[in-house]
C-alpha atoms as a PDB file:
ATOM      1  CA  MET A   1      43.490 -52.358 100.203  1.00  0.00           C
ATOM      2  CA  ALA A   2      42.684 -56.028  99.980  1.00  0.00           C
ATOM      3  CA  SER A   3      41.628 -58.295  97.178  1.00  0.00           C
ATOM      4  CA  TYR A   4      42.064 -61.836  95.957  1.00  0.00           C
ATOM      5  CA  SER A   5      43.691 -63.414  92.940  1.00  0.00           C
ATOM      6  CA  SER A   6      44.357 -66.712  91.295  1.00  0.00           C
ATOM      7  CA  GLY A   7      46.912 -69.306  92.328  1.00  0.00           C
ATOM      8  CA  SER A   8      49.250 -71.449  90.272  1.00  0.00           C
ATOM      9  CA  SER A   9      48.419 -73.183  87.060  1.00  0.00           C
ATOM     10  CA  SER A  10      48.266 -76.962  86.790  1.00  0.00           C
ATOM     11  CA  SER A  11      51.488 -77.067  84.765  1.00  0.00           C
ATOM     12  CA  GLY A  12      53.774 -75.247  87.206  1.00  0.00           C
ATOM     13  CA  TYR A  13      54.196 -72.391  89.632  1.00  0.00           C
ATOM     14  CA  SER A  14      53.438 -69.487  87.330  1.00  0.00           C
ATOM     15  CA  SER A  15      50.698 -67.328  88.767  1.00  0.00           C
ATOM     16  CA  THR A  16      47.899 -65.642  86.893  1.00  0.00           C
ATOM     17  CA  SER A  17      46.025 -62.491  87.688  1.00  0.00           C
ATOM     18  CA  SER A  18      42.334 -61.993  88.219  1.00  0.00           C
ATOM     19  CA  THR A  19      39.969 -59.420  89.590  1.00  0.00           C
ATOM     20  CA  ASN A  20      39.070 -59.373  93.247  1.00  0.00           C
ATOM     21  CA  THR A  21      35.905 -59.010  95.233  1.00  0.00           C
ATOM     22  CA  ALA A  22      36.855 -58.556  98.861  1.00  0.00           C
ATOM     23  CA  GLY A  23      39.362 -57.030 101.259  1.00  0.00           C
ATOM     24  CA  THR A  24      39.978 -54.683 104.168  1.00  0.00           C
ATOM     25  CA  THR A  25      41.577 -51.316 104.813  1.00  0.00           C
ATOM     26  CA  SER A  26      43.410 -49.931 107.818  1.00  0.00           C
ATOM     27  CA  SER A  27      40.066 -48.740 109.194  1.00  0.00           C
ATOM     28  CA  ASN A  28      38.757 -52.327 109.119  1.00  0.00           C
ATOM     29  CA  GLN A  29      36.278 -51.465 106.370  1.00  0.00           C
ATOM     30  CA  ASN A  30      35.732 -54.234 103.815  1.00  0.00           C
ATOM     31  CA  VAL A  31      36.212 -52.884 100.298  1.00  0.00           C
ATOM     32  CA  SER A  32      36.868 -54.119  96.768  1.00  0.00           C
ATOM     33  CA  ASN A  33      40.020 -53.785  94.681  1.00  0.00           C
ATOM     34  CA  SER A  34      41.595 -55.472  91.661  1.00  0.00           C
ATOM     35  CA  ASP A  35      44.633 -56.109  89.449  1.00  0.00           C
ATOM     36  CA  TYR A  36      47.391 -57.859  91.393  1.00  0.00           C
ATOM     37  CA  VAL A  37      49.164 -61.229  91.482  1.00  0.00           C
ATOM     38  CA  ASP A  38      49.469 -64.138  93.900  1.00  0.00           C
ATOM     39  CA  LEU A  39      52.187 -64.684  96.497  1.00  0.00           C
ATOM     40  CA  PRO A  40      55.721 -65.593  95.256  1.00  0.00           C
ATOM     41  CA  LYS A  41      54.999 -69.208  96.109  1.00  0.00           C
ATOM     42  CA  PRO A  42      51.417 -69.670  94.861  1.00  0.00           C
ATOM     43  CA  THR A  43      48.919 -70.431  97.604  1.00  0.00           C
ATOM     44  CA  GLU A  44      46.247 -71.911  95.296  1.00  0.00           C
ATOM     45  CA  GLU A  45      43.698 -69.916  97.296  1.00  0.00           C
ATOM     46  CA  PRO A  46      42.397 -66.338  97.250  1.00  0.00           C
ATOM     47  CA  THR A  47      44.820 -63.679  98.482  1.00  0.00           C
ATOM     48  CA  ASN A  48      44.382 -60.048  99.549  1.00  0.00           C
ATOM     49  CA  ARG A  49      46.429 -56.837  99.735  1.00  0.00           C
ATOM     50  CA  ASP A  50      46.782 -54.939 103.005  1.00  0.00           C
ATOM     51  CA  GLU A  51      46.833 -51.163 103.365  1.00  0.00           C
ATOM     52  CA  ASN A  52      50.561 -51.123 102.507  1.00  0.00           C
ATOM     53  CA  GLY A  53      50.060 -53.035  99.262  1.00  0.00           C
ATOM     54  CA  ASN A  54      51.537 -56.298 100.560  1.00  0.00           C
ATOM     55  CA  VAL A  55      49.935 -59.513  99.306  1.00  0.00           C
ATOM     56  CA  ARG A  56      48.535 -61.584 102.179  1.00  0.00           C
ATOM     57  CA  PRO A  57      46.894 -65.030 102.298  1.00  0.00           C
ATOM     58  CA  GLY A  58      43.130 -65.265 102.515  1.00  0.00           C
ATOM     59  CA  GLY A  59      40.342 -63.634 100.537  1.00  0.00           C
ATOM     60  CA  VAL A  60      40.079 -60.948 103.256  1.00  0.00           C
ATOM     61  CA  ASP A  61      42.408 -59.771 106.010  1.00  0.00           C
ATOM     62  CA  LEU A  62      42.656 -62.746 108.354  1.00  0.00           C
ATOM     63  CA  ARG A  63      43.596 -60.561 111.326  1.00  0.00           C
ATOM     64  CA  THR A  64      40.452 -58.460 111.486  1.00  0.00           C
ATOM     65  CA  ASN A  65      37.358 -59.292 113.506  1.00  0.00           C
ATOM     66  CA  ILE A  66      34.806 -61.634 111.974  1.00  0.00           C
ATOM     67  CA  ASP A  67      31.495 -59.973 111.235  1.00  0.00           C
ATOM     68  CA  LYS A  68      28.629 -60.563 108.840  1.00  0.00           C
ATOM     69  CA  GLU A  69      30.194 -58.493 106.063  1.00  0.00           C
ATOM     70  CA  LYS A  70      33.600 -60.151 106.359  1.00  0.00           C
ATOM     71  CA  ASP A  71      31.961 -63.569 106.238  1.00  0.00           C
ATOM     72  CA  ARG A  72      30.064 -62.637 103.072  1.00  0.00           C
ATOM     73  CA  LEU A  73      33.120 -61.197 101.329  1.00  0.00           C
ATOM     74  CA  ALA A  74      35.348 -64.126 102.286  1.00  0.00           C
ATOM     75  CA  THR A  75      32.809 -66.612 100.929  1.00  0.00           C
ATOM     76  CA  ASN A  76      32.385 -64.663  97.686  1.00  0.00           C
ATOM     77  CA  ALA A  77      36.143 -64.416  97.240  1.00  0.00           C
ATOM     78  CA  GLN A  78      36.593 -68.161  97.684  1.00  0.00           C
ATOM     79  CA  LEU A  79      33.764 -69.052  95.294  1.00  0.00           C
ATOM     80  CA  LYS A  80      34.991 -66.604  92.646  1.00  0.00           C
ATOM     81  CA  TYR A  81      38.508 -68.008  92.904  1.00  0.00           C
ATOM     82  CA  LEU A  82      37.211 -71.565  92.478  1.00  0.00           C
ATOM     83  CA  ASP A  83      35.080 -70.584  89.480  1.00  0.00           C
ATOM     84  CA  GLU A  84      37.986 -68.900  87.709  1.00  0.00           C
ATOM     85  CA  ASN A  85      40.985 -71.041  88.620  1.00  0.00           C
ATOM     86  CA  VAL A  86      40.008 -74.589  89.596  1.00  0.00           C
ATOM     87  CA  ASN A  87      39.110 -76.804  86.664  1.00  0.00           C
ATOM     88  CA  ASP A  88      38.733 -80.188  88.390  1.00  0.00           C
ATOM     89  CA  ARG A  89      35.820 -79.597  90.765  1.00  0.00           C
ATOM     90  CA  ASN A  90      33.884 -82.631  91.985  1.00  0.00           C
ATOM     91  CA  ARG A  91      30.604 -82.601  93.853  1.00  0.00           C
ATOM     92  CA  TYR A  92      31.349 -86.074  95.203  1.00  0.00           C
ATOM     93  CA  SER A  93      34.520 -88.162  95.142  1.00  0.00           C
ATOM     94  CA  ALA A  94      34.596 -91.860  94.238  1.00  0.00           C
ATOM     95  CA  SER A  95      36.660 -93.901  96.693  1.00  0.00           C
ATOM     96  CA  ASN A  96      37.242 -96.654  94.098  1.00  0.00           C
ATOM     97  CA  PRO A  97      37.102 -94.959  90.667  1.00  0.00           C
ATOM     98  CA  HIS A  98      39.029 -97.822  89.063  1.00  0.00           C
ATOM     99  CA  LEU A  99      36.223-100.236  90.012  1.00  0.00           C
ATOM    100  CA  GLY A 100      33.137 -98.078  89.688  1.00  0.00           C
ATOM    101  CA  GLU A 101      31.876 -94.603  90.430  1.00  0.00           C
ATOM    102  CA  PRO A 102      30.406 -92.737  92.067  1.00  0.00           C
ATOM    103  CA  TYR A 103      29.422 -95.693  94.288  1.00  0.00           C
ATOM    104  CA  SER A 104      31.404 -98.872  94.900  1.00  0.00           C
ATOM    105  CA  SER A 105      30.054-102.409  94.981  1.00  0.00           C
ATOM    106  CA  LEU A 106      29.298-103.941  98.359  1.00  0.00           C
ATOM    107  CA  GLN A 107      32.084-106.513  97.931  1.00  0.00           C
ATOM    108  CA  THR A 108      34.646-103.736  97.495  1.00  0.00           C
ATOM    109  CA  LEU A 109      33.327-101.880 100.541  1.00  0.00           C
ATOM    110  CA  ALA A 110      33.352-105.060 102.633  1.00  0.00           C
ATOM    111  CA  MET A 111      37.017-105.631 101.784  1.00  0.00           C
ATOM    112  CA  GLN A 112      37.792-102.061 102.774  1.00  0.00           C
ATOM    113  CA  ALA A 113      36.049-102.560 106.102  1.00  0.00           C
ATOM    114  CA  LEU A 114      37.937-105.799 106.773  1.00  0.00           C
ATOM    115  CA  ARG A 115      41.260-104.146 105.989  1.00  0.00           C
ATOM    116  CA  ARG A 116      40.502-101.338 108.404  1.00  0.00           C
ATOM    117  CA  TYR A 117      39.283-103.711 111.099  1.00  0.00           C
ATOM    118  CA  GLY A 118      42.704-105.317 111.068  1.00  0.00           C
ATOM    119  CA  ASP A 119      42.148-108.720 112.705  1.00  0.00           C
ATOM    120  CA  MET A 120      42.713-110.752 109.543  1.00  0.00           C
ATOM    121  CA  HIS A 121      43.887-110.541 105.967  1.00  0.00           C
ATOM    122  CA  PRO A 122      40.760-109.658 103.942  1.00  0.00           C
ATOM    123  CA  GLY A 123      41.765-112.133 101.239  1.00  0.00           C
ATOM    124  CA  THR A 124      41.291-115.059 103.638  1.00  0.00           C
ATOM    125  CA  VAL A 125      37.570-114.560 104.240  1.00  0.00           C
ATOM    126  CA  ASP A 126      35.131-116.981 102.663  1.00  0.00           C
ATOM    127  CA  GLY A 127      31.769-116.510 101.023  1.00  0.00           C
ATOM    128  CA  GLU A 128      29.854-116.890 104.273  1.00  0.00           C
ATOM    129  CA  VAL A 129      31.556-113.820 105.724  1.00  0.00           C
ATOM    130  CA  ILE A 130      30.713-111.787 102.634  1.00  0.00           C
ATOM    131  CA  MET A 131      27.088-112.933 102.911  1.00  0.00           C
ATOM    132  CA  MET A 132      27.100-111.674 106.501  1.00  0.00           C
ATOM    133  CA  PHE A 133      28.245-108.296 105.225  1.00  0.00           C
ATOM    134  CA  ILE A 134      25.146-108.197 103.013  1.00  0.00           C
ATOM    135  CA  GLU A 135      23.118-108.379 106.227  1.00  0.00           C
ATOM    136  CA  PHE A 136      25.223-105.618 107.780  1.00  0.00           C
ATOM    137  CA  ALA A 137      24.779-103.424 104.719  1.00  0.00           C
ATOM    138  CA  ASN A 138      21.022-103.822 104.855  1.00  0.00           C
ATOM    139  CA  LEU A 139      21.090-102.738 108.509  1.00  0.00           C
ATOM    140  CA  VAL A 140      22.882 -99.593 107.355  1.00  0.00           C
ATOM    141  CA  LEU A 141      20.161 -99.023 104.753  1.00  0.00           C
ATOM    142  CA  GLU A 142      17.550 -99.253 107.503  1.00  0.00           C
ATOM    143  CA  ASP A 143      19.460 -96.647 109.515  1.00  0.00           C
ATOM    144  CA  LEU A 144      19.461 -94.409 106.452  1.00  0.00           C
ATOM    145  CA  ARG A 145      15.758 -94.882 105.800  1.00  0.00           C
ATOM    146  CA  SER A 146      14.984 -93.503 109.250  1.00  0.00           C
ATOM    147  CA  HIS A 147      17.502 -90.647 109.064  1.00  0.00           C
ATOM    148  CA  PRO A 148      16.007 -87.133 108.709  1.00  0.00           C
ATOM    149  CA  TYR A 149      18.673 -86.049 106.185  1.00  0.00           C
ATOM    150  CA  PHE A 150      18.215 -89.047 103.865  1.00  0.00           C
ATOM    151  CA  ASP A 151      15.368 -88.695 101.364  1.00  0.00           C
ATOM    152  CA  ASN A 152      15.649 -91.860  99.252  1.00  0.00           C
ATOM    153  CA  LEU A 153      13.249 -93.972 101.303  1.00  0.00           C
ATOM    154  CA  GLU A 154      12.778 -96.381  98.383  1.00  0.00           C
ATOM    155  CA  VAL A 155      16.414 -97.532  98.378  1.00  0.00           C
ATOM    156  CA  ASP A 156      16.339-101.329  98.083  1.00  0.00           C
ATOM    157  CA  TYR A 157      18.231-103.974 100.017  1.00  0.00           C
ATOM    158  CA  TYR A 158      21.418-105.561  98.743  1.00  0.00           C
ATOM    159  CA  THR A 159      20.871-109.074  97.430  1.00  0.00           C
ATOM    160  CA  HIS A 160      24.361-109.776  96.021  1.00  0.00           C
ATOM    161  CA  PRO A 161      27.884-108.571  96.886  1.00  0.00           C
ATOM    162  CA  THR A 162      28.439-107.152  93.398  1.00  0.00           C
ATOM    163  CA  GLU A 163      25.516-104.730  93.683  1.00  0.00           C
ATOM    164  CA  HIS A 164      25.797-101.080  94.592  1.00  0.00           C
ATOM    165  CA  ARG A 165      23.339 -98.609  96.085  1.00  0.00           C
ATOM    166  CA  ASN A 166      23.181 -94.816  95.973  1.00  0.00           C
ATOM    167  CA  VAL A 167      24.769 -94.495  99.386  1.00  0.00           C
ATOM    168  CA  PRO A 168      28.061 -92.630  99.992  1.00  0.00           C
ATOM    169  CA  ASP A 169      30.912 -95.117 100.333  1.00  0.00           C
ATOM    170  CA  GLN A 170      32.224 -93.555 103.537  1.00  0.00           C
ATOM    171  CA  ILE A 171      28.902 -94.050 105.282  1.00  0.00           C
ATOM    172  CA  MET A 172      28.629 -97.665 104.186  1.00  0.00           C
ATOM    173  CA  VAL A 173      32.186 -98.554 105.234  1.00  0.00           C
ATOM    174  CA  ALA A 174      31.684 -96.918 108.635  1.00  0.00           C
ATOM    175  CA  GLY A 175      28.412 -98.823 109.072  1.00  0.00           C
ATOM    176  CA  LEU A 176      29.986-102.140 108.104  1.00  0.00           C
ATOM    177  CA  LEU A 177      32.809-101.595 110.602  1.00  0.00           C
ATOM    178  CA  TYR A 178      30.340-100.787 113.366  1.00  0.00           C
ATOM    179  CA  ASN A 179      28.069-103.755 112.727  1.00  0.00           C
ATOM    180  CA  TYR A 180      31.014-106.131 112.333  1.00  0.00           C
ATOM    181  CA  ALA A 181      32.472-104.950 115.650  1.00  0.00           C
ATOM    182  CA  VAL A 182      29.109-105.574 117.320  1.00  0.00           C
ATOM    183  CA  GLN A 183      28.966-109.088 115.842  1.00  0.00           C
ATOM    184  CA  GLN A 184      32.503-109.797 117.061  1.00  0.00           C
ATOM    185  CA  GLN A 185      31.681-108.399 120.518  1.00  0.00           C
ATOM    186  CA  SER A 186      34.842-106.346 120.205  1.00  0.00           C
ATOM    187  CA  ASN A 187      35.865-103.313 122.220  1.00  0.00           C
ATOM    188  CA  LYS A 188      36.409-101.596 118.875  1.00  0.00           C
ATOM    189  CA  VAL A 189      32.689-100.840 118.860  1.00  0.00           C
ATOM    190  CA  GLU A 190      33.448 -98.018 121.302  1.00  0.00           C
ATOM    191  CA  ALA A 191      35.305 -96.241 118.505  1.00  0.00           C
ATOM    192  CA  TYR A 192      33.389 -97.476 115.461  1.00  0.00           C
ATOM    193  CA  GLY A 193      29.941 -96.657 116.886  1.00  0.00           C
ATOM    194  CA  PRO A 194      30.418 -92.897 117.325  1.00  0.00           C
ATOM    195  CA  MET A 195      32.461 -92.744 114.115  1.00  0.00           C
ATOM    196  CA  TYR A 196      29.615 -94.353 112.144  1.00  0.00           C
ATOM    197  CA  PHE A 197      26.881 -92.028 113.349  1.00  0.00           C
ATOM    198  CA  ARG A 198      29.106 -88.947 113.124  1.00  0.00           C
ATOM    199  CA  THR A 199      30.053 -89.837 109.535  1.00  0.00           C
ATOM    200  CA  MET A 200      26.434 -90.488 108.591  1.00  0.00           C
ATOM    201  CA  ASN A 201      25.199 -87.214 110.082  1.00  0.00           C
ATOM    202  CA  ARG A 202      28.031 -85.135 108.639  1.00  0.00           C
ATOM    203  CA  VAL A 203      27.974 -86.512 105.093  1.00  0.00           C
ATOM    204  CA  LEU A 204      24.183 -86.558 104.751  1.00  0.00           C
ATOM    205  CA  TYR A 205      23.872 -83.008 106.089  1.00  0.00           C
ATOM    206  CA  ASN A 206      26.514 -81.780 103.653  1.00  0.00           C
ATOM    207  CA  ARG A 207      24.883 -83.461 100.666  1.00  0.00           C
ATOM    208  CA  LYS A 208      21.455 -82.085 101.505  1.00  0.00           C
ATOM    209  CA  TYR A 209      22.254 -78.605 102.794  1.00  0.00           C
ATOM    210  CA  GLY A 210      25.924 -78.040 101.957  1.00  0.00           C
ATOM    211  CA  ASN A 211      28.129 -76.431 104.584  1.00  0.00           C
ATOM    212  CA  SER A 212      25.808 -73.502 105.188  1.00  0.00           C
ATOM    213  CA  LYS A 213      25.488 -72.012 108.633  1.00  0.00           C
ATOM    214  CA  ILE A 214      22.528 -72.885 110.841  1.00  0.00           C
ATOM    215  CA  GLU A 215      20.246 -70.037 111.914  1.00  0.00           C
ATOM    216  CA  ILE A 216      17.678 -70.561 114.668  1.00  0.00           C
ATOM    217  CA  SER A 217      14.730 -68.303 115.538  1.00  0.00           C
ATOM    218  CA  PRO A 218      13.129 -69.643 118.738  1.00  0.00           C
ATOM    219  CA  HIS A 219       9.396 -69.306 119.286  1.00  0.00           C
ATOM    220  CA  ASP A 220       8.117 -67.333 122.253  1.00  0.00           C
ATOM    221  CA  ARG A 221       6.700 -69.781 124.809  1.00  0.00           C
ATOM    222  CA  GLY A 222       5.316 -72.119 122.180  1.00  0.00           C
ATOM    223  CA  SER A 223       3.387 -69.444 120.297  1.00  0.00           C
ATOM    224  CA  ASP A 224       3.506 -69.020 116.529  1.00  0.00           C
ATOM    225  CA  ASN A 225       5.277 -65.681 116.892  1.00  0.00           C
ATOM    226  CA  LEU A 226       9.046 -65.656 116.697  1.00  0.00           C
ATOM    227  CA  CYS A 227      10.889 -63.927 119.508  1.00  0.00           C
ATOM    228  CA  SER A 228      12.544 -61.617 116.989  1.00  0.00           C
ATOM    229  CA  ASN A 229       9.133 -60.323 115.898  1.00  0.00           C
ATOM    230  CA  ARG A 230       7.995 -59.243 119.362  1.00  0.00           C
ATOM    231  CA  ALA A 231       9.336 -56.633 121.736  1.00  0.00           C
ATOM    232  CA  TYR A 232      10.650 -58.112 124.952  1.00  0.00           C
ATOM    233  CA  ASP A 233       8.535 -57.285 128.009  1.00  0.00           C
ATOM    234  CA  ALA A 234      10.842 -56.978 130.993  1.00  0.00           C
ATOM    235  CA  GLY A 235       7.886 -57.069 133.338  1.00  0.00           C
ATOM    236  CA  ARG A 236       6.882 -60.607 132.406  1.00  0.00           C
ATOM    237  CA  LYS A 237       7.788 -63.444 134.755  1.00  0.00           C
END
C-alpha cells in the first residue's frame, strides 16, 4: 500500500513520521495508509509505500496511469506534507529583501536590468539613464493596466527612482529589459520581448488563480446551452 510521510528536519537528516492520505495498490486502486518513515536519504517531499512495503518517492505511485483520482490524492498528499513539515512557506518571494520587500524600488530594478543587459557596467550610468528607466517602468504599468489578469487599475506612475509599486519584481525587470532593448534598437529584443510577455502572463495568472488546471465547457453553436448539457445529435450537419 502507498502513503506519504515527512522529510528531513531543518537541523539535519533525521526523518520524522506522519500520517498519509494517498497511495496505490497492485490493482492500481488508490487507497489510504499510515505510519511509516521517509527514504534513507530524506526526499523532503511526500513518499509512498508500494504493495511490497517499499518506500517510494512521490505522494502516490509514480508509475501508475494518471486519472482524476490519482491527481486528487497526489495534490492532497503534497499539501498535507507542506502543512505538517515545511515551516518557511512564502506566498511571494522578495528578490531584494535586504533593500525592501516584498517589492523593490525602481532604482534597484533598473540596476538589475542593466546588469542582465550586459553592454555596460551598471555603476557607470548617469541620472539621465535612470530617468529614462522611469519612462520604461511607466510603459510597463500601462501594459499591466490593460492586462486581463491584473486588477489594480489604479496603480500610479513612478515619479522618482526610489519609489516602488505593487508590481512583482520579475515582471518589472523583464519589462525594463524589453523596453531598453527597443530603445537601443538591439537584436536582444527578439529574446526579451517574448520573455517579458511570457513572464507577465505566467506570474499574473499564478497570483490570481494559482496553478489550478483550466477546464473549458464550449457552448453549442453560440447558444447558452453547454455541449455537456445536451445530447449529441448525430443527424445534424
